[in-house]
Amino acid sequence: MLSDCEVIAFVATAQPQRAKPFYRDVLGLRLIDDDPFGLVFDANGTMVRIFKVQELSRAPFTVLGWKVGAIRTAIQELSNRGVRFERYPGMAQDEAGVWTTPEGHQVAWFKDPDGNTLSLTHM
């Protein structure tokens, strides 16, 4: 039933004044709307709605990620824009923060201004 429908991604922010330039200027998503309830971005045809909330309970896992063609290029471009990639104890990450899955996929994590965990994946 829903396999023919578009997906909408949701993230929350308690700091919309910081989230807006981060998602728009740092990540390069196109801002569609900024209303009292949230920020709406276009991410290559997928709507990303960032709800404006008073308090935020961060999820202990990745909430939003991008499949990229060249992870090291994406890491370098985002690093040049001030993004810091995360390091996790016990995970075999390389100097750029990339972890290689048992299947050979490469993943790197970073946080938005609210501390939501975002990721890049090269498959």
Foldseek 3Di string as FASTA:
>chain_A
DCPPPADAAEAEDQCCVQQVCCVCVLVPWAWDDDDPFFTWTQDPNYIYTYGHDNDDDEDPDAREEEEDADVVVVLVSNVVVPWDWDADPPAPADPSQWGADPVGKIKIWTAGPRRHIYMYIYD
